Amino acid sequence: MTEPLSLVLVEDHQALREGLVLLLEAHGYRVLATTNSVHEGIVLIERHEPDVALVDIRLADGDGIMLAREALTADPARRIILYTGLVDEDMLIEGLDSGARGYALKDGTPDELLHAIRCVADGGTYIDPRLRRAVLSPRATERVRGLSKRERQVLDLLARGMTGEQVAEQLVLSSETVKTHVRNAMNKLEASTRVHAIAIALREGYIEGPEGADADQA
């Protein structure tokens, strides 16, 4: 049997934290530990090495962006989703540079959150469509250079939740070639992370990503 996905949950509000534990465990996930603290969250992520860490942006002793940045500095392979009830442009722009692989909205449905967790656990990325107006604003996506057709194809498939390996298989490329296209796209877009590059490409219309038409109308 496949091992269930494991999570560390870092959420400021106790009632929501307890509700999330019930939701996740009801869908077969293992919640290894929970906290409302930046410091303890970092400790728990290092101790348990979960498949995914779901991290509130607003925490008791700081913010989730700081937590994500510190945890990912120690190990860039960690998979972190920032979980927010705020559509604060400055904070979301800062979050793009933290290295987090996902942005989920607390107003979203349980199915949307579960989809975000699966995408990130599988090595993909997730940006809630309702966050795009803030995350993909001109301030977040300035100084854009053009992308090649192949770079657009790669970023579009990544935006749809595919892993690098799945993109390579679909486009009949090596994994290293896919990584090269991602690096080149990041350089052209002056993006510090893969998620940031996807955000810029979406904003500039280079790619559509999931629910492209619906997201524009949301």
Foldseek 3Di string as FASTA:
>chain_A
DDQAFEEEEAAADPVVVVVVCVLQVVVPYHYPYYYQDLVVSLVVCVVPVGLEYEAEQDGDYHGPLVSLQVSCVVPVLYAYEYEYQDLDLVSLLSSQQSSHQEYHYPPDDSVVVVVQSVLRSQAAGYYPLQSLCRCLPCVSQPQADDADPVLLQLLQVSLQSDHLVVSCVVVVHDSVVSVVSQVVLCVRRVGNYSVSSSSNCCSVVSYQGPPNVVSVVD
